[in-house]
Amino acid sequence: MYHRFPLLFASFVLLGALPLAAQGRPTEPHSDATPPATKEIPIPQEIRSVTEHQMTVAGQTLHYTATAGNLLISRMAHDEIEEPYHSIFYVAYTLDGADAKTRPITFLYNGGPGSASIWLHMGSVGPMRVVTDSPDATHNAPYKIVPNEYTLLNRSDLVFIDAPGTGFSRPVGKGTIKDVAGVDEDLTAFTRFIVRYLTVNNRWNSPKFLFGESYGTTRSAGLSATLNSAGVQLNGIVLLSSILNYNAGSPGLDNTFLTDFPSFAAIAWYYNKVQSKPADILAFVQKAREFASGPYAQALYAGNALSQAQTDSIASQMSAFIGVSPTFIKECNLRISPSRFRKELLRDQNDILGRYDARFEGPDAEEAGDVPGYDPSSTGITGAFVAAFQDYLQNDLKYTSKETYQLRGPGLIQNWDWKHQAAGMSYGFMREQARPYVAGDLGDTMRKNPHLHVFSANGLYDLATPFRATEWELAHMGISQALSKNITFGYYPAGHMVYLNVAALKSFRKDLDGFYDQAK
């Protein structure tokens, strides 16, 4: 059970006032002979709210401290003096009385890029969890928040980080959104935050883990290299619903059609669109893998040299796996995008599937067309997560702010620099890529730190980051078979946010126990 304790410590420092001009007030006139005085931009101080709690997990009573606050990250100014340029908001949960030298610490974050971390915070392995109606759209308020029996807190301290520009994370001083809006800019900011957190909280000798979801896995793979260069040697990385190569879907390449195919098959199995449906979904998915890497790959490789008879044959075989008609498959030139599949599978019902989680379905505005009008797996949970987090933040963590909590960072995507200075690139590739390829960074880190363990968690019904694409990238990092044994996989009957299926969350949490044991 969970008890809310009285607030033991809460310290809030008001942010410095803006210059008068920034507030829209008139400034004093000045002559051409006398330049206006340079006004210093005030730097907000670090603030935090500290509360004490307890809960029971698997018969064990956990007494823990929750800290909601911010840390300032700095960069070198022109005069060789470090100056803060961004304030990073975080919520940390630390077990009371634990030895920091042996107690693991895990840094968790969502992706986007440009997403706050309320999804992992309020849905996965934090001490509290919002209850949803998944895969149905969740009911209206009031929402229920319950102690999370699947929390990771009994194994590791947890630090949930809002990416720069999201949540309550803000530019400060002379910092701007552009300073953090980019693959490498984001990696720099997170590296500086983690190094500062370890220093401020005396956690340098703790076992260290990263836990990212979606673009957060892109970040984790990149951080494995930047942190390693900063002297932060990681014990383990949890990759939840991964995207490690943004170049795989470039025009003219067919690999994504091959790696999407097993996910289509899993979803068709879920909706009973497979004739003579087998009982074991994993065995069925394996057959889909083999077909995709065999006959289907050969057909796509042939390109326009494929005969009509061969086209008819491969379309018929594809249809048996993924539940849409051979005619539709041929209309797609054997190359079906996730958005067209989401629209087609239940077209006869005028229902579309969720992109993040295909277990979610909803009516579309029209039966015609190839592009779904919305994503039921996003609209079905967003209101519940946002309201539950705001309520929990104010009433349980005792943290209030005059700032607006930004679910998605304004200005981030518009200014995002997708170029990436990759680590450990081989095969003669250019080191700077127009779109990020970070599996190479992870492979480089694993070669340098052969003790690093990686756990890849995958939802079978995820159309945003299909599991076969993750398998492909992790198998092509240029590491030895011996090092490959440090990578383990988990597969769950869920979507992108595996934890929305509570039964899957239970299995996921059990797998994490084994992973943390391995990565000690």
Protein backbone atom coordinates (compact mmCIF):
# COMPACT_ATOMS: atom_id res chain seq x y z
CA MET A 1 0.00 0.00 0.00
CA TYR A 2 0.99 3.63 -0.38
CA HIS A 3 1.03 6.37 2.25
CA ARG A 4 1.48 10.07 1.69
CA PHE A 5 3.74 11.51 4.37
CA PRO A 6 3.77 15.14 5.48
CA LEU A 7 6.08 17.33 3.48
CA LEU A 8 9.45 17.24 5.22
CA PHE A 9 11.27 19.68 2.99
CA ALA A 10 10.27 21.94 0.17
CA SER A 11 12.39 24.78 -1.05
CA PHE A 12 11.27 27.05 -3.87
CA VAL A 13 13.24 30.04 -5.10
CA LEU A 14 11.45 32.59 -7.24
CA LEU A 15 12.88 32.97 -10.69
CA GLY A 16 14.61 36.27 -11.40
CA ALA A 17 12.53 38.96 -13.06
CA LEU A 18 12.93 39.63 -16.75
CA PRO A 19 14.55 42.88 -17.90
CA LEU A 20 12.05 45.72 -18.24
CA ALA A 21 12.21 45.63 -22.01
CA ALA A 22 11.34 41.96 -22.03
CA GLN A 23 8.30 42.74 -19.89
CA GLY A 24 7.01 45.23 -22.43
CA ARG A 25 7.71 48.32 -20.26
CA PRO A 26 9.27 51.44 -21.76
CA THR A 27 13.04 51.81 -21.48
CA GLU A 28 14.95 55.01 -20.88
CA PRO A 29 15.94 56.87 -24.04
CA HIS A 30 19.63 57.08 -24.87
CA SER A 31 21.72 59.20 -27.16
CA ASP A 32 23.81 57.93 -30.04
CA ALA A 33 26.91 58.97 -28.12
CA THR A 34 26.10 56.78 -25.12
CA PRO A 35 25.33 53.14 -25.90
CA PRO A 36 22.74 51.45 -23.70
CA ALA A 37 24.08 49.50 -20.77
CA THR A 38 24.30 45.75 -21.30
CA LYS A 39 21.74 44.09 -19.08
CA GLU A 40 22.60 40.77 -17.51
CA ILE A 41 20.02 38.07 -18.11
CA PRO A 42 19.12 36.63 -14.70
CA ILE A 43 19.72 32.93 -14.12
CA PRO A 44 17.00 31.08 -12.18
CA GLN A 45 18.21 29.11 -9.22
CA GLU A 46 17.92 25.37 -8.72
CA ILE A 47 14.78 24.47 -6.80
CA ARG A 48 13.39 21.24 -5.45
CA SER A 49 10.53 19.76 -3.49
CA VAL A 50 11.40 16.76 -1.33
CA THR A 51 8.74 14.43 0.08
CA GLU A 52 8.89 11.09 1.85
CA HIS A 53 6.74 8.07 1.01
CA GLN A 54 6.40 4.38 1.53
CA MET A 55 4.87 1.51 -0.43
CA THR A 56 4.80 -2.27 -0.38
CA VAL A 57 6.16 -4.27 -3.31
CA ALA A 58 6.16 -8.09 -3.30
CA GLY A 59 5.76 -8.10 0.47
CA GLN A 60 8.64 -5.67 0.99
CA THR A 61 8.02 -2.24 2.48
CA LEU A 62 9.94 0.46 0.65
CA HIS A 63 10.64 3.77 2.34
CA TYR A 64 11.72 6.23 -0.31
CA THR A 65 12.31 9.91 -0.99
CA ALA A 66 10.88 11.73 -4.00
CA THR A 67 12.69 14.82 -5.26
CA ALA A 68 11.09 17.02 -7.91
CA GLY A 69 13.27 19.86 -9.09
CA ASN A 70 15.74 21.15 -11.62
CA LEU A 71 19.47 21.21 -12.27
CA LEU A 72 21.28 23.79 -14.33
CA ILE A 73 23.60 22.62 -17.09
CA SER A 74 26.43 24.85 -18.24
CA ARG A 75 28.64 25.45 -21.26
CA MET A 76 31.86 27.35 -21.80
CA ALA A 77 31.34 31.01 -22.60
CA HIS A 78 33.57 33.14 -24.78
CA ASP A 79 35.58 34.28 -21.77
CA GLU A 80 36.35 30.65 -20.82
CA ILE A 81 33.90 30.78 -17.92
CA GLU A 82 31.11 28.24 -17.64
CA GLU A 83 27.63 29.70 -17.78
CA PRO A 84 24.25 27.95 -17.34
CA TYR A 85 22.24 27.73 -20.53
CA HIS A 86 19.42 25.32 -19.65
CA SER A 87 17.44 24.22 -16.62
CA ILE A 88 16.50 20.52 -16.68
CA PHE A 89 13.48 19.31 -14.72
CA TYR A 90 13.55 15.85 -13.14
CA VAL A 91 11.80 13.68 -10.57
CA ALA A 92 14.03 11.29 -8.65
CA TYR A 93 13.01 8.39 -6.40
CA THR A 94 15.69 7.13 -4.02
CA LEU A 95 15.41 4.29 -1.52
CA ASP A 96 16.03 5.46 2.03
CA GLY A 97 19.03 3.96 3.83
CA ALA A 98 20.51 2.29 0.74
CA ASP A 99 24.26 2.24 0.12
CA ALA A 100 24.91 4.49 -2.88
CA LYS A 101 28.01 2.48 -3.79
CA THR A 102 25.98 -0.65 -4.49
CA ARG A 103 22.54 0.78 -5.18
CA PRO A 104 21.88 1.07 -8.97
CA ILE A 105 20.61 4.32 -10.42
CA THR A 106 18.54 4.43 -13.62
CA PHE A 107 17.96 7.52 -15.78
CA LEU A 108 14.65 7.34 -17.68
CA TYR A 109 13.20 9.48 -20.46
CA ASN A 110 10.74 9.43 -23.33
CA GLY A 111 11.49 10.45 -26.86
CA GLY A 112 9.74 12.35 -29.62
CA PRO A 113 12.12 14.09 -30.01
CA GLY A 114 10.45 16.81 -28.03
CA SER A 115 8.36 14.74 -25.62
CA ALA A 116 8.19 15.10 -21.85
CA SER A 117 8.64 11.92 -19.83
CA ILE A 118 5.23 11.57 -18.22
CA TRP A 119 4.53 8.38 -20.20
CA LEU A 120 7.30 6.33 -18.64
CA HIS A 121 6.88 8.17 -15.35
CA MET A 122 3.17 7.48 -14.91
CA GLY A 123 2.80 4.24 -16.86
CA SER A 124 5.81 1.97 -16.55
CA VAL A 125 8.16 1.39 -13.59
CA GLY A 126 7.71 4.45 -11.38
CA PRO A 127 6.20 4.05 -7.90
CA MET A 128 2.75 5.22 -9.03
CA ARG A 129 0.75 4.29 -12.13
CA VAL A 130 -2.28 5.80 -13.88
CA VAL A 131 -5.05 3.32 -14.65
CA THR A 132 -6.29 3.35 -18.25
CA ASP A 133 -8.94 1.41 -20.16
CA SER A 134 -6.43 0.28 -22.79
CA PRO A 135 -6.89 -0.84 -25.49
CA ASP A 136 -10.21 1.01 -25.31
CA ALA A 137 -10.19 4.80 -25.12
CA THR A 138 -9.90 5.76 -21.44
CA HIS A 139 -12.93 7.23 -19.68
CA ASN A 140 -13.19 10.88 -18.65
CA ALA A 141 -11.96 12.33 -15.36
CA PRO A 142 -11.60 11.61 -12.53
CA TYR A 143 -8.68 9.29 -13.22
CA LYS A 144 -7.26 6.75 -10.84
CA ILE A 145 -3.61 6.65 -9.74
CA VAL A 146 -2.53 3.53 -7.90
CA PRO A 147 0.67 2.23 -6.27
CA ASN A 148 2.61 0.44 -8.97
CA GLU A 149 3.30 -3.14 -7.97
CA TYR A 150 5.55 -3.40 -11.03
CA THR A 151 7.82 -0.52 -10.05
CA LEU A 152 11.56 -0.91 -10.51
CA LEU A 153 12.22 1.00 -7.31
CA ASN A 154 12.96 -2.16 -5.35
CA ARG A 155 15.91 -2.77 -7.72
CA SER A 156 17.14 0.71 -8.59
CA ASP A 157 16.81 4.38 -7.78
CA LEU A 158 14.94 6.13 -10.60
CA VAL A 159 15.50 9.56 -12.16
CA PHE A 160 12.84 10.63 -14.70
CA ILE A 161 14.19 13.43 -16.90
CA ASP A 162 12.21 15.88 -19.02
CA ALA A 163 14.22 16.50 -22.17
CA PRO A 164 15.46 20.07 -22.73
CA GLY A 165 12.59 22.26 -23.87
CA THR A 166 9.88 19.89 -22.56
CA GLY A 167 8.01 19.64 -19.28
CA PHE A 168 9.43 22.32 -16.98
CA SER A 169 12.86 22.21 -18.68
CA ARG A 170 13.66 25.68 -20.06
CA PRO A 171 16.49 27.71 -21.59
CA VAL A 172 18.11 30.07 -19.08
CA GLY A 173 20.53 32.97 -19.34
CA LYS A 174 21.69 33.33 -22.92
CA GLY A 175 20.47 29.85 -23.83
CA THR A 176 17.89 29.29 -26.55
CA ILE A 177 15.80 26.38 -27.79
CA LYS A 178 18.15 26.05 -30.76
CA ASP A 179 20.96 25.22 -28.34
CA VAL A 180 19.24 21.93 -27.46
CA ALA A 181 17.21 21.29 -30.64
CA GLY A 182 19.18 18.63 -32.42
CA VAL A 183 20.46 15.08 -32.14
CA ASP A 184 23.93 16.03 -30.93
CA GLU A 185 22.75 19.11 -29.02
CA ASP A 186 20.32 16.89 -27.11
CA LEU A 187 23.07 14.35 -26.39
CA THR A 188 25.31 17.11 -25.05
CA ALA A 189 22.58 18.41 -22.75
CA PHE A 190 21.73 14.96 -21.38
CA THR A 191 25.39 14.11 -20.86
CA ARG A 192 25.88 17.32 -18.89
CA PHE A 193 22.76 16.69 -16.82
CA ILE A 194 23.71 13.11 -15.91
CA VAL A 195 27.28 14.10 -15.04
CA ARG A 196 25.98 16.93 -12.87
CA TYR A 197 23.38 14.74 -11.17
CA LEU A 198 26.02 12.13 -10.33
CA THR A 199 28.26 14.84 -8.90
CA VAL A 200 25.64 16.75 -6.90
CA ASN A 201 24.18 13.55 -5.43
CA ASN A 202 27.47 11.68 -4.87
CA ARG A 203 26.47 8.79 -7.16
CA TRP A 204 29.59 8.37 -9.29
CA ASN A 205 30.33 4.90 -7.91
CA SER A 206 26.77 3.59 -8.26
CA PRO A 207 25.91 1.02 -10.96
CA LYS A 208 24.42 3.13 -13.76
CA PHE A 209 21.61 2.35 -16.21
CA LEU A 210 19.78 4.17 -19.01
CA PHE A 211 16.12 3.49 -19.84
CA GLY A 212 14.74 5.19 -22.94
CA GLU A 213 11.56 4.77 -24.96
CA SER A 214 11.15 5.46 -28.69
CA TYR A 215 13.45 8.37 -29.64
CA GLY A 216 14.70 7.87 -26.10
CA THR A 217 16.40 4.72 -27.46
CA THR A 218 18.08 6.85 -30.14
CA ARG A 219 19.24 9.08 -27.30
CA SER A 220 20.41 6.13 -25.19
CA ALA A 221 22.51 4.64 -27.98
CA GLY A 222 24.13 8.03 -28.56
CA LEU A 223 24.57 8.63 -24.83
CA SER A 224 26.35 5.31 -24.47
CA ALA A 225 29.19 6.91 -26.46
CA THR A 226 29.10 10.47 -25.10
CA LEU A 227 28.85 9.31 -21.48
CA ASN A 228 31.62 6.79 -22.00
CA SER A 229 33.82 9.61 -23.31
CA ALA A 230 32.94 11.61 -20.17
CA GLY A 231 34.07 8.75 -17.93
CA VAL A 232 30.58 7.47 -17.14
CA GLN A 233 30.83 3.72 -17.69
CA LEU A 234 27.35 2.21 -17.91
CA ASN A 235 26.27 -1.15 -16.53
CA GLY A 236 23.18 -1.50 -18.70
CA ILE A 237 20.79 0.08 -21.17
CA VAL A 238 17.08 -0.71 -21.52
CA LEU A 239 15.80 0.01 -25.04
CA LEU A 240 12.00 0.13 -25.11
CA SER A 241 10.51 0.32 -28.62
CA SER A 242 13.65 1.25 -30.48
CA ILE A 243 14.58 3.36 -33.45
CA LEU A 244 18.33 3.23 -34.05
CA ASN A 245 18.59 4.16 -37.72
CA TYR A 246 16.59 6.95 -39.32
CA ASN A 247 18.10 6.22 -42.72
CA ALA A 248 16.55 2.76 -43.15
CA GLY A 249 13.38 4.16 -44.70
CA SER A 250 15.06 6.44 -47.22
CA PRO A 251 13.49 6.50 -50.72
CA GLY A 252 14.65 3.67 -52.92
CA LEU A 253 15.36 1.29 -50.04
CA ASP A 254 13.10 -1.70 -49.42
CA ASN A 255 14.36 -2.87 -46.04
CA THR A 256 11.57 -1.26 -44.00
CA PHE A 257 8.92 -3.19 -45.96
CA LEU A 258 10.69 -6.40 -44.95
CA THR A 259 11.08 -5.41 -41.30
CA ASP A 260 7.47 -4.13 -41.03
CA PHE A 261 6.05 -7.41 -42.33
CA PRO A 262 6.28 -9.55 -39.13
CA SER A 263 4.46 -6.79 -37.21
CA PHE A 264 1.67 -6.80 -39.81
CA ALA A 265 1.44 -10.57 -39.36
CA ALA A 266 1.23 -10.26 -35.56
CA ILE A 267 -1.56 -7.69 -35.85
CA ALA A 268 -3.50 -9.80 -38.36
CA TRP A 269 -3.19 -12.69 -35.90
CA TYR A 270 -4.56 -10.47 -33.10
CA TYR A 271 -7.62 -9.50 -35.17
CA ASN A 272 -8.30 -13.09 -36.33
CA LYS A 273 -7.56 -12.21 -39.95
CA VAL A 274 -5.31 -15.24 -40.39
CA GLN A 275 -6.89 -18.38 -41.84
CA SER A 276 -6.36 -21.47 -39.69
CA LYS A 277 -4.95 -19.19 -37.01
CA PRO A 278 -2.19 -20.97 -35.05
CA ALA A 279 -2.33 -20.90 -31.26
CA ASP A 280 1.23 -19.68 -30.76
CA ILE A 281 1.74 -16.10 -31.96
CA LEU A 282 5.52 -16.20 -31.51
CA ALA A 283 5.80 -19.29 -33.73
CA PHE A 284 3.61 -17.57 -36.33
CA VAL A 285 5.73 -14.42 -36.15
CA GLN A 286 8.84 -16.51 -36.68
CA LYS A 287 7.37 -17.93 -39.89
CA ALA A 288 6.63 -14.35 -40.98
CA ARG A 289 10.27 -13.42 -40.30
CA GLU A 290 11.47 -16.33 -42.41
CA PHE A 291 9.11 -15.48 -45.27
CA ALA A 292 10.14 -11.81 -45.18
CA SER A 293 13.86 -12.60 -45.26
CA GLY A 294 13.36 -15.29 -47.93
CA PRO A 295 10.71 -15.20 -50.69
CA TYR A 296 9.53 -11.65 -49.95
CA ALA A 297 13.08 -10.22 -49.90
CA GLN A 298 13.88 -11.99 -53.17
CA ALA A 299 10.75 -10.57 -54.78
CA LEU A 300 11.56 -7.00 -53.76
CA TYR A 301 15.18 -7.46 -54.84
CA ALA A 302 13.98 -8.40 -58.31
CA GLY A 303 12.26 -5.03 -58.70
CA ASN A 304 10.49 -4.57 -62.03
CA ALA A 305 12.05 -7.80 -63.31
CA LEU A 306 9.45 -9.74 -61.29
CA SER A 307 7.02 -11.48 -63.64
CA GLN A 308 3.26 -11.18 -63.30
CA ALA A 309 3.01 -14.83 -62.23
CA GLN A 310 5.65 -14.27 -59.56
CA THR A 311 3.87 -11.11 -58.42
CA ASP A 312 0.56 -12.97 -58.09
CA SER A 313 2.25 -15.77 -56.16
CA ILE A 314 4.06 -13.53 -53.67
CA ALA A 315 0.94 -11.38 -53.12
CA SER A 316 -1.08 -14.48 -52.31
CA GLN A 317 1.55 -15.67 -49.82
CA MET A 318 1.71 -12.23 -48.20
CA SER A 319 -2.08 -12.14 -47.89
CA ALA A 320 -2.06 -15.42 -45.95
CA PHE A 321 0.21 -13.81 -43.36
CA ILE A 322 -1.14 -10.28 -43.01
CA GLY A 323 -4.87 -10.61 -43.66
CA VAL A 324 -5.35 -8.09 -46.49
CA SER A 325 -6.32 -9.05 -50.04
CA PRO A 326 -3.82 -9.95 -52.77
CA THR A 327 -5.43 -7.26 -54.91
CA PHE A 328 -4.65 -4.58 -52.32
CA ILE A 329 -1.09 -5.90 -51.95
CA LYS A 330 -0.53 -5.66 -55.69
CA GLU A 331 -2.03 -2.16 -55.76
CA CYS A 332 0.72 -1.27 -53.27
CA ASN A 333 3.36 -2.80 -55.56
CA LEU A 334 4.03 -5.38 -52.81
CA ARG A 335 5.21 -2.51 -50.58
CA ILE A 336 2.73 -1.70 -47.82
CA SER A 337 3.33 1.23 -45.49
CA PRO A 338 2.15 1.08 -41.85
CA SER A 339 -0.35 3.88 -42.48
CA ARG A 340 -1.98 2.00 -45.40
CA PHE A 341 -2.09 -1.20 -43.35
CA ARG A 342 -3.72 0.66 -40.43
CA LYS A 343 -6.42 1.87 -42.80
CA GLU A 344 -6.93 -1.37 -44.75
CA LEU A 345 -7.10 -4.24 -42.24
CA LEU A 346 -10.50 -3.24 -40.80
CA ARG A 347 -11.72 -1.19 -43.76
CA ASP A 348 -14.89 -3.28 -44.00
CA GLN A 349 -15.79 -1.98 -40.52
CA ASN A 350 -14.65 1.60 -41.29
CA ASP A 351 -12.23 1.27 -38.38
CA ILE A 352 -8.59 2.28 -38.27
CA LEU A 353 -5.79 0.89 -36.11
CA GLY A 354 -3.47 2.70 -33.74
CA ARG A 355 0.03 3.49 -34.92
CA TYR A 356 1.72 3.19 -31.54
CA ASP A 357 -0.46 0.27 -30.51
CA ALA A 358 -2.53 -1.53 -33.13
CA ARG A 359 -4.71 -3.11 -30.42
CA PHE A 360 -6.45 0.30 -30.30
CA GLU A 361 -9.06 0.86 -32.99
CA GLY A 362 -11.49 3.63 -33.78
CA PRO A 363 -13.89 4.88 -36.44
CA ASP A 364 -12.47 7.05 -39.17
CA ALA A 365 -14.18 10.03 -40.77
CA GLU A 366 -14.46 8.23 -44.10
CA GLU A 367 -13.98 4.75 -45.42
CA ALA A 368 -12.14 5.96 -48.52
CA GLY A 369 -8.49 6.99 -48.62
CA ASP A 370 -5.21 5.50 -47.46
CA VAL A 371 -4.27 7.76 -44.53
CA PRO A 372 -5.93 7.32 -41.13
CA GLY A 373 -7.42 10.50 -39.74
CA TYR A 374 -5.89 10.10 -36.26
CA ASP A 375 -4.13 7.62 -34.00
CA PRO A 376 -6.54 5.94 -31.55
CA SER A 377 -3.63 4.70 -29.45
CA SER A 378 -2.56 8.30 -28.80
CA THR A 379 -5.91 10.01 -28.35
CA GLY A 380 -7.12 7.15 -26.16
CA ILE A 381 -4.66 7.80 -23.31
CA THR A 382 -3.30 11.35 -23.51
CA GLY A 383 -5.95 13.05 -21.37
CA ALA A 384 -5.61 10.48 -18.61
CA PHE A 385 -1.81 10.69 -18.45
CA VAL A 386 -1.68 14.49 -18.49
CA ALA A 387 -4.36 15.00 -15.84
CA ALA A 388 -3.03 12.22 -13.60
CA PHE A 389 0.52 13.56 -13.73
CA GLN A 390 -0.53 17.13 -12.94
CA ASP A 391 -2.59 15.93 -9.98
CA TYR A 392 0.23 13.71 -8.70
CA LEU A 393 2.85 16.43 -9.12
CA GLN A 394 0.91 19.00 -7.11
CA ASN A 395 -0.74 16.85 -4.46
CA ASP A 396 1.79 14.09 -3.83
CA LEU A 397 5.13 15.58 -4.83
CA LYS A 398 4.13 19.08 -3.62
CA TYR A 399 5.66 20.72 -6.66
CA THR A 400 4.00 23.79 -8.16
CA SER A 401 5.19 26.20 -10.79
CA LYS A 402 3.95 29.29 -12.57
CA GLU A 403 5.33 27.79 -15.76
CA THR A 404 3.20 25.67 -18.09
CA TYR A 405 4.21 22.02 -18.23
CA GLN A 406 5.00 21.41 -21.89
CA LEU A 407 3.92 17.95 -23.02
CA ARG A 408 5.70 18.61 -26.33
CA GLY A 409 8.48 21.15 -26.47
CA PRO A 410 7.40 24.22 -28.48
CA GLY A 411 9.87 25.11 -31.19
CA LEU A 412 11.92 21.92 -30.82
CA ILE A 413 10.85 19.99 -33.91
CA GLN A 414 10.78 23.11 -36.08
CA ASN A 415 14.42 23.79 -35.18
CA TRP A 416 15.63 20.20 -34.83
CA ASP A 417 18.99 19.47 -36.43
CA TRP A 418 18.91 15.83 -37.49
CA LYS A 419 22.61 15.59 -38.35
CA HIS A 420 24.63 13.30 -36.11
CA GLN A 421 28.35 13.04 -35.50
CA ALA A 422 28.50 9.30 -35.12
CA ALA A 423 30.99 7.33 -33.06
CA GLY A 424 32.78 4.24 -34.34
CA MET A 425 31.55 4.44 -37.93
CA SER A 426 32.95 1.77 -40.22
CA TYR A 427 32.59 0.51 -43.79
CA GLY A 428 33.85 3.84 -45.09
CA PHE A 429 30.71 5.78 -44.08
CA MET A 430 30.96 9.49 -43.43
CA ARG A 431 31.00 10.20 -39.73
CA GLU A 432 28.37 12.95 -39.97
CA GLN A 433 25.02 11.60 -41.12
CA ALA A 434 22.10 13.70 -42.41
CA ARG A 435 19.79 11.49 -40.36
CA PRO A 436 20.90 9.78 -37.18
CA TYR A 437 22.34 6.28 -37.22
CA VAL A 438 23.16 5.45 -33.60
CA ALA A 439 23.40 1.66 -33.59
CA GLY A 440 27.01 2.29 -34.60
CA ASP A 441 27.51 4.43 -31.47
CA LEU A 442 26.19 1.61 -29.32
CA GLY A 443 28.37 -0.95 -31.06
CA ASP A 444 31.41 1.28 -30.57
CA THR A 445 30.65 1.59 -26.85
CA MET A 446 30.17 -2.16 -26.44
CA ARG A 447 33.55 -2.78 -28.04
CA LYS A 448 35.14 -0.33 -25.61
CA ASN A 449 33.13 -1.54 -22.62
CA PRO A 450 32.61 -5.30 -23.08
CA HIS A 451 30.75 -5.45 -19.76
CA LEU A 452 27.85 -3.31 -21.01
CA HIS A 453 24.54 -5.18 -21.19
CA VAL A 454 21.57 -4.18 -23.38
CA PHE A 455 17.95 -5.26 -23.05
CA SER A 456 15.65 -4.66 -26.02
CA ALA A 457 11.94 -4.65 -25.13
CA ASN A 458 9.48 -4.83 -28.03
CA GLY A 459 5.73 -4.71 -28.50
CA LEU A 460 4.43 -7.14 -31.11
CA TYR A 461 1.70 -4.69 -32.18
CA ASP A 462 3.89 -1.59 -32.51
CA LEU A 463 3.76 0.05 -35.94
CA ALA A 464 5.87 3.06 -34.94
CA THR A 465 9.04 1.07 -34.18
CA PRO A 466 8.53 -2.50 -35.48
CA PHE A 467 10.50 -5.13 -33.59
CA ARG A 468 12.14 -6.67 -36.66
CA ALA A 469 13.82 -3.36 -37.50
CA THR A 470 15.34 -3.33 -34.01
CA GLU A 471 16.57 -6.90 -34.42
CA TRP A 472 18.18 -5.93 -37.72
CA GLU A 473 20.02 -2.90 -36.35
CA LEU A 474 21.28 -4.66 -33.22
CA ALA A 475 22.56 -7.51 -35.41
CA HIS A 476 24.51 -5.10 -37.66
CA MET A 477 26.51 -3.04 -35.16
CA GLY A 478 29.85 -4.63 -36.02
CA ILE A 479 30.31 -6.43 -32.70
CA SER A 480 31.50 -9.99 -32.20
CA GLN A 481 29.26 -12.95 -31.48
CA ALA A 482 30.72 -13.02 -27.98
CA LEU A 483 29.62 -9.42 -27.35
CA SER A 484 26.24 -10.12 -28.93
CA LYS A 485 25.52 -12.36 -25.96
CA ASN A 486 25.28 -9.17 -23.89
CA ILE A 487 22.11 -8.26 -25.83
CA THR A 488 18.82 -9.85 -24.77
CA PHE A 489 15.30 -9.39 -26.16
CA GLY A 490 11.80 -9.33 -24.74
CA TYR A 491 8.59 -9.56 -26.80
CA TYR A 492 5.17 -8.62 -25.42
CA PRO A 493 1.52 -8.70 -26.59
CA ALA A 494 1.36 -4.92 -26.59
CA GLY A 495 2.30 -1.89 -28.63
CA HIS A 496 4.92 0.85 -28.44
CA MET A 497 4.08 1.60 -24.81
CA VAL A 498 4.31 -1.99 -23.63
CA TYR A 499 3.10 -1.01 -20.16
CA LEU A 500 -0.40 -0.09 -21.41
CA ASN A 501 -1.11 -3.82 -21.34
CA VAL A 502 -0.78 -4.53 -17.62
CA ALA A 503 -0.24 -8.25 -18.23
CA ALA A 504 2.64 -7.32 -20.55
CA LEU A 505 3.99 -4.90 -17.93
CA LYS A 506 4.10 -7.76 -15.45
CA SER A 507 6.16 -9.88 -17.87
CA PHE A 508 8.35 -6.92 -18.77
CA ARG A 509 9.06 -6.23 -15.11
CA LYS A 510 10.03 -9.87 -14.53
CA ASP A 511 12.43 -9.70 -17.49
CA LEU A 512 13.97 -6.52 -16.04
CA ASP A 513 14.79 -8.42 -12.86
CA GLY A 514 16.85 -10.89 -14.87
CA PHE A 515 18.50 -8.09 -16.83
CA TYR A 516 19.55 -6.12 -13.74
CA ASP A 517 20.96 -9.33 -12.28
CA GLN A 518 23.07 -9.82 -15.42
CA ALA A 519 24.27 -6.24 -15.62
CA LYS A 520 25.49 -5.84 -12.03
